[in-house]
Amino acid sequence: MNRGDVFAHKGLGRAGYVVIVSNDGFSAITGHPVVVRVSDRPDLMESPYIVALTSADQVSGHLESYSVVRVRRDRLGAEPVGRVSAGTLRRLDDALALLFDYGA
């Protein structure tokens, strides 16, 4: 599990995809990475807290920075289904920094 990997996720309400946002060391040590949800809602638009995925990413939709949660490894698929691009990861970092008021 590496930062930026996309995994299938089996949640309580429905299945979907998540992106690993915790650093690789944390994910390896705990086995329970911190993730954000990949939304397939058609009504979402990019905002300071929502990052639109692009053609450079291996999945489509939007990343909801406000959906940060730590998940158990057994809720994720066995292997990543893709990765988000470096540019998308940077935009997600900005959204998370704004959400948690880092750097203010």
N, C-alpha and C. Protein backbone atom coordinates (compact mmCIF):
# COMPACT_ATOMS: atom_id res chain seq x y z
N MET A 1 0.84 -1.17 0.00
CA MET A 1 0.00 0.00 0.00
C MET A 1 0.88 1.23 0.00
N ASN A 2 0.80 1.98 -1.06
CA ASN A 2 1.60 3.19 -1.19
C ASN A 2 0.72 4.41 -1.39
N ARG A 3 1.22 5.54 -0.93
CA ARG A 3 0.48 6.79 -1.08
C ARG A 3 0.17 7.02 -2.56
N GLY A 4 -1.07 7.32 -2.85
CA GLY A 4 -1.50 7.54 -4.23
C GLY A 4 -2.12 6.32 -4.88
N ASP A 5 -1.98 5.15 -4.27
CA ASP A 5 -2.61 3.94 -4.80
C ASP A 5 -4.13 4.03 -4.66
N VAL A 6 -4.82 3.48 -5.64
CA VAL A 6 -6.29 3.40 -5.61
C VAL A 6 -6.65 1.95 -5.33
N PHE A 7 -7.52 1.76 -4.35
CA PHE A 7 -7.98 0.42 -3.98
C PHE A 7 -9.50 0.36 -4.05
N ALA A 8 -10.01 -0.81 -4.39
CA ALA A 8 -11.44 -1.06 -4.21
C ALA A 8 -11.67 -1.11 -2.71
N HIS A 9 -12.83 -0.63 -2.27
CA HIS A 9 -13.15 -0.55 -0.85
C HIS A 9 -14.54 -1.12 -0.61
N LYS A 10 -14.64 -1.97 0.39
CA LYS A 10 -15.93 -2.52 0.79
C LYS A 10 -16.35 -1.83 2.07
N GLY A 11 -17.21 -0.82 1.94
CA GLY A 11 -17.66 -0.05 3.09
C GLY A 11 -18.92 -0.63 3.68
N LEU A 12 -19.43 0.05 4.67
CA LEU A 12 -20.65 -0.40 5.32
C LEU A 12 -21.86 -0.21 4.43
N GLY A 13 -21.91 0.91 3.72
CA GLY A 13 -23.08 1.20 2.90
C GLY A 13 -22.97 0.71 1.48
N ARG A 14 -21.80 0.89 0.89
CA ARG A 14 -21.63 0.51 -0.51
C ARG A 14 -20.16 0.34 -0.83
N ALA A 15 -19.90 -0.29 -1.93
CA ALA A 15 -18.53 -0.48 -2.38
C ALA A 15 -18.12 0.72 -3.23
N GLY A 16 -16.84 0.90 -3.38
CA GLY A 16 -16.32 1.99 -4.19
C GLY A 16 -14.81 1.95 -4.22
N TYR A 17 -14.22 3.10 -4.48
CA TYR A 17 -12.77 3.21 -4.52
C TYR A 17 -12.29 4.26 -3.52
N VAL A 18 -11.06 4.06 -3.05
CA VAL A 18 -10.41 5.01 -2.16
C VAL A 18 -8.98 5.20 -2.62
N VAL A 19 -8.39 6.34 -2.24
CA VAL A 19 -6.99 6.63 -2.52
C VAL A 19 -6.25 6.70 -1.20
N ILE A 20 -5.11 6.01 -1.13
CA ILE A 20 -4.28 6.04 0.08
C ILE A 20 -3.64 7.42 0.19
N VAL A 21 -3.80 8.08 1.35
CA VAL A 21 -3.18 9.38 1.57
C VAL A 21 -2.13 9.36 2.68
N SER A 22 -2.14 8.31 3.51
CA SER A 22 -1.12 8.23 4.57
C SER A 22 0.22 7.87 3.93
N ASN A 23 1.29 8.24 4.62
CA ASN A 23 2.60 7.93 4.06
C ASN A 23 2.84 6.42 4.10
N ASP A 24 3.75 5.97 3.26
CA ASP A 24 3.99 4.54 3.08
C ASP A 24 4.40 3.85 4.39
N GLY A 25 5.20 4.53 5.21
CA GLY A 25 5.65 3.95 6.48
C GLY A 25 4.49 3.71 7.43
N PHE A 26 3.60 4.70 7.57
CA PHE A 26 2.44 4.54 8.45
C PHE A 26 1.57 3.37 7.99
N SER A 27 1.30 3.33 6.69
CA SER A 27 0.46 2.26 6.15
C SER A 27 1.09 0.89 6.38
N ALA A 28 2.42 0.80 6.20
CA ALA A 28 3.11 -0.48 6.38
C ALA A 28 3.12 -0.92 7.84
N ILE A 29 3.37 0.02 8.75
CA ILE A 29 3.47 -0.32 10.17
C ILE A 29 2.12 -0.68 10.75
N THR A 30 1.09 0.12 10.46
CA THR A 30 -0.22 -0.11 11.08
C THR A 30 -1.06 -1.12 10.31
N GLY A 31 -0.86 -1.19 9.00
CA GLY A 31 -1.71 -2.04 8.18
C GLY A 31 -3.09 -1.46 7.96
N HIS A 32 -3.33 -0.27 8.49
CA HIS A 32 -4.63 0.40 8.36
C HIS A 32 -4.40 1.81 7.82
N PRO A 33 -4.38 1.96 6.50
CA PRO A 33 -4.04 3.25 5.91
C PRO A 33 -5.14 4.30 6.09
N VAL A 34 -4.73 5.54 5.95
CA VAL A 34 -5.66 6.65 5.90
C VAL A 34 -5.99 6.89 4.43
N VAL A 35 -7.27 7.05 4.13
CA VAL A 35 -7.72 7.14 2.74
C VAL A 35 -8.71 8.29 2.57
N VAL A 36 -8.94 8.68 1.32
CA VAL A 36 -10.07 9.53 0.96
C VAL A 36 -10.88 8.78 -0.10
N ARG A 37 -12.15 9.10 -0.13
CA ARG A 37 -13.07 8.42 -1.03
C ARG A 37 -12.98 8.98 -2.45
N VAL A 38 -13.11 8.09 -3.42
CA VAL A 38 -13.29 8.49 -4.81
C VAL A 38 -14.79 8.49 -5.05
N SER A 39 -15.34 9.66 -5.33
CA SER A 39 -16.77 9.79 -5.53
C SER A 39 -17.12 9.67 -7.00
N ASP A 40 -18.23 9.00 -7.27
CA ASP A 40 -18.73 8.92 -8.64
C ASP A 40 -20.00 9.77 -8.80
N ARG A 41 -20.25 10.65 -7.83
CA ARG A 41 -21.44 11.51 -7.90
C ARG A 41 -21.32 12.48 -9.07
N PRO A 42 -22.30 12.48 -9.97
CA PRO A 42 -22.21 13.36 -11.13
C PRO A 42 -22.42 14.84 -10.81
N ASP A 43 -22.95 15.16 -9.63
CA ASP A 43 -23.23 16.55 -9.29
C ASP A 43 -22.04 17.25 -8.63
N LEU A 44 -20.96 16.54 -8.36
CA LEU A 44 -19.79 17.16 -7.74
C LEU A 44 -19.00 17.97 -8.76
N MET A 45 -18.48 19.08 -8.28
CA MET A 45 -17.61 19.92 -9.11
C MET A 45 -16.36 20.22 -8.30
N GLU A 46 -15.26 20.46 -9.00
CA GLU A 46 -14.01 20.76 -8.31
C GLU A 46 -14.19 22.02 -7.46
N SER A 47 -13.65 21.96 -6.26
CA SER A 47 -13.69 23.08 -5.32
C SER A 47 -12.41 22.99 -4.49
N PRO A 48 -12.21 23.88 -3.54
CA PRO A 48 -11.01 23.76 -2.72
C PRO A 48 -10.92 22.43 -1.96
N TYR A 49 -12.05 21.76 -1.74
CA TYR A 49 -12.07 20.52 -0.97
C TYR A 49 -12.35 19.28 -1.81
N ILE A 50 -12.64 19.49 -3.08
CA ILE A 50 -12.95 18.39 -4.00
C ILE A 50 -11.99 18.47 -5.17
N VAL A 51 -11.28 17.38 -5.43
CA VAL A 51 -10.29 17.33 -6.50
C VAL A 51 -10.84 16.45 -7.63
N ALA A 52 -10.97 17.05 -8.81
CA ALA A 52 -11.43 16.30 -9.97
C ALA A 52 -10.29 15.43 -10.50
N LEU A 53 -10.59 14.17 -10.76
CA LEU A 53 -9.61 13.29 -11.38
C LEU A 53 -9.55 13.59 -12.87
N THR A 54 -8.39 13.40 -13.46
CA THR A 54 -8.18 13.76 -14.86
C THR A 54 -7.85 12.51 -15.68
N SER A 55 -7.61 12.73 -16.95
CA SER A 55 -7.24 11.61 -17.83
C SER A 55 -5.88 11.03 -17.46
N ALA A 56 -5.08 11.75 -16.68
CA ALA A 56 -3.78 11.24 -16.22
C ALA A 56 -3.92 10.24 -15.08
N ASP A 57 -5.12 10.17 -14.50
CA ASP A 57 -5.37 9.25 -13.39
C ASP A 57 -5.96 7.94 -13.92
N GLN A 58 -5.81 6.89 -13.15
CA GLN A 58 -6.25 5.57 -13.61
C GLN A 58 -7.67 5.22 -13.18
N VAL A 59 -8.35 6.18 -12.58
CA VAL A 59 -9.77 6.05 -12.23
C VAL A 59 -10.44 7.38 -12.54
N SER A 60 -11.75 7.39 -12.56
CA SER A 60 -12.46 8.64 -12.83
C SER A 60 -13.31 9.01 -11.62
N GLY A 61 -13.69 10.28 -11.56
CA GLY A 61 -14.52 10.77 -10.48
C GLY A 61 -13.87 11.96 -9.80
N HIS A 62 -14.15 12.10 -8.52
CA HIS A 62 -13.63 13.19 -7.71
C HIS A 62 -13.13 12.65 -6.38
N LEU A 63 -12.10 13.29 -5.84
CA LEU A 63 -11.60 12.93 -4.51
C LEU A 63 -12.20 13.90 -3.50
N GLU A 64 -12.82 13.36 -2.48
CA GLU A 64 -13.44 14.17 -1.44
C GLU A 64 -12.47 14.28 -0.27
N SER A 65 -11.77 15.41 -0.17
CA SER A 65 -10.77 15.55 0.90
C SER A 65 -11.41 15.46 2.28
N TYR A 66 -12.66 15.82 2.40
CA TYR A 66 -13.35 15.81 3.69
C TYR A 66 -13.82 14.41 4.10
N SER A 67 -13.53 13.41 3.30
CA SER A 67 -13.91 12.03 3.64
C SER A 67 -12.74 11.24 4.20
N VAL A 68 -11.76 11.92 4.78
CA VAL A 68 -10.56 11.26 5.31
C VAL A 68 -10.95 10.31 6.43
N VAL A 69 -10.47 9.08 6.31
CA VAL A 69 -10.76 8.06 7.33
C VAL A 69 -9.66 7.00 7.30
N ARG A 70 -9.45 6.38 8.41
CA ARG A 70 -8.52 5.24 8.50
C ARG A 70 -9.34 3.98 8.32
N VAL A 71 -8.87 3.08 7.46
CA VAL A 71 -9.63 1.86 7.18
C VAL A 71 -8.83 0.61 7.52
N ARG A 72 -9.54 -0.43 7.85
CA ARG A 72 -8.89 -1.72 8.08
C ARG A 72 -8.47 -2.30 6.73
N ARG A 73 -7.34 -2.95 6.73
CA ARG A 73 -6.80 -3.52 5.49
C ARG A 73 -7.75 -4.52 4.86
N ASP A 74 -8.50 -5.27 5.68
CA ASP A 74 -9.39 -6.28 5.11
C ASP A 74 -10.61 -5.67 4.41
N ARG A 75 -10.78 -4.36 4.49
CA ARG A 75 -11.86 -3.68 3.75
C ARG A 75 -11.41 -3.26 2.36
N LEU A 76 -10.11 -3.43 2.07
CA LEU A 76 -9.57 -3.05 0.77
C LEU A 76 -9.34 -4.27 -0.10
N GLY A 77 -9.35 -4.07 -1.41
CA GLY A 77 -9.05 -5.14 -2.33
C GLY A 77 -7.63 -5.66 -2.13
N ALA A 78 -7.35 -6.82 -2.66
CA ALA A 78 -6.04 -7.45 -2.48
C ALA A 78 -4.91 -6.64 -3.12
N GLU A 79 -5.17 -6.04 -4.26
CA GLU A 79 -4.16 -5.28 -5.01
C GLU A 79 -4.73 -3.94 -5.42
N PRO A 80 -3.87 -2.94 -5.61
CA PRO A 80 -4.37 -1.65 -6.11
C PRO A 80 -4.95 -1.81 -7.51
N VAL A 81 -5.97 -1.01 -7.82
CA VAL A 81 -6.56 -1.02 -9.15
C VAL A 81 -5.96 0.08 -10.02
N GLY A 82 -5.11 0.90 -9.44
CA GLY A 82 -4.46 1.97 -10.17
C GLY A 82 -3.79 2.94 -9.23
N ARG A 83 -3.42 4.10 -9.79
CA ARG A 83 -2.78 5.18 -9.03
C ARG A 83 -3.33 6.51 -9.54
N VAL A 84 -3.27 7.51 -8.69
CA VAL A 84 -3.55 8.85 -9.17
C VAL A 84 -2.22 9.48 -9.57
N SER A 85 -2.29 10.46 -10.45
CA SER A 85 -1.07 11.11 -10.96
C SER A 85 -0.44 11.98 -9.88
N ALA A 86 0.82 12.34 -10.10
CA ALA A 86 1.54 13.21 -9.17
C ALA A 86 0.84 14.56 -9.04
N GLY A 87 0.33 15.08 -10.15
CA GLY A 87 -0.38 16.36 -10.11
C GLY A 87 -1.65 16.30 -9.28
N THR A 88 -2.39 15.22 -9.43
CA THR A 88 -3.61 15.04 -8.63
C THR A 88 -3.26 14.91 -7.16
N LEU A 89 -2.21 14.18 -6.86
CA LEU A 89 -1.79 14.01 -5.47
C LEU A 89 -1.39 15.36 -4.86
N ARG A 90 -0.74 16.22 -5.64
CA ARG A 90 -0.38 17.56 -5.14
C ARG A 90 -1.63 18.39 -4.87
N ARG A 91 -2.62 18.32 -5.77
CA ARG A 91 -3.87 19.07 -5.56
C ARG A 91 -4.62 18.52 -4.34
N LEU A 92 -4.56 17.21 -4.14
CA LEU A 92 -5.18 16.62 -2.95
C LEU A 92 -4.46 17.07 -1.69
N ASP A 93 -3.13 17.14 -1.73
CA ASP A 93 -2.35 17.66 -0.59
C ASP A 93 -2.82 19.07 -0.23
N ASP A 94 -3.02 19.90 -1.25
CA ASP A 94 -3.48 21.27 -1.01
C ASP A 94 -4.86 21.29 -0.36
N ALA A 95 -5.75 20.42 -0.84
CA ALA A 95 -7.11 20.34 -0.28
C ALA A 95 -7.07 19.87 1.17
N LEU A 96 -6.22 18.88 1.46
CA LEU A 96 -6.10 18.38 2.83
C LEU A 96 -5.49 19.45 3.74
N ALA A 97 -4.49 20.18 3.24
CA ALA A 97 -3.87 21.25 4.03
C ALA A 97 -4.90 22.32 4.36
N LEU A 98 -5.74 22.67 3.40
CA LEU A 98 -6.78 23.66 3.63
C LEU A 98 -7.82 23.13 4.62
N LEU A 99 -8.20 21.89 4.47
CA LEU A 99 -9.18 21.26 5.37
C LEU A 99 -8.71 21.29 6.81
N PHE A 100 -7.43 20.96 7.03
CA PHE A 100 -6.90 20.89 8.38
C PHE A 100 -6.19 22.18 8.80
N ASP A 101 -6.26 23.21 7.94
CA ASP A 101 -5.72 24.53 8.25
C ASP A 101 -4.22 24.49 8.50
N TYR A 102 -3.51 23.64 7.73
CA TYR A 102 -2.05 23.59 7.84
C TYR A 102 -1.43 24.80 7.17
N GLY A 103 -0.37 25.31 7.74
CA GLY A 103 0.37 26.40 7.13
C GLY A 103 -0.24 27.77 7.35
N ALA A 104 -1.28 27.85 8.15
CA ALA A 104 -1.94 29.17 8.35
C ALA A 104 -1.28 29.92 9.50
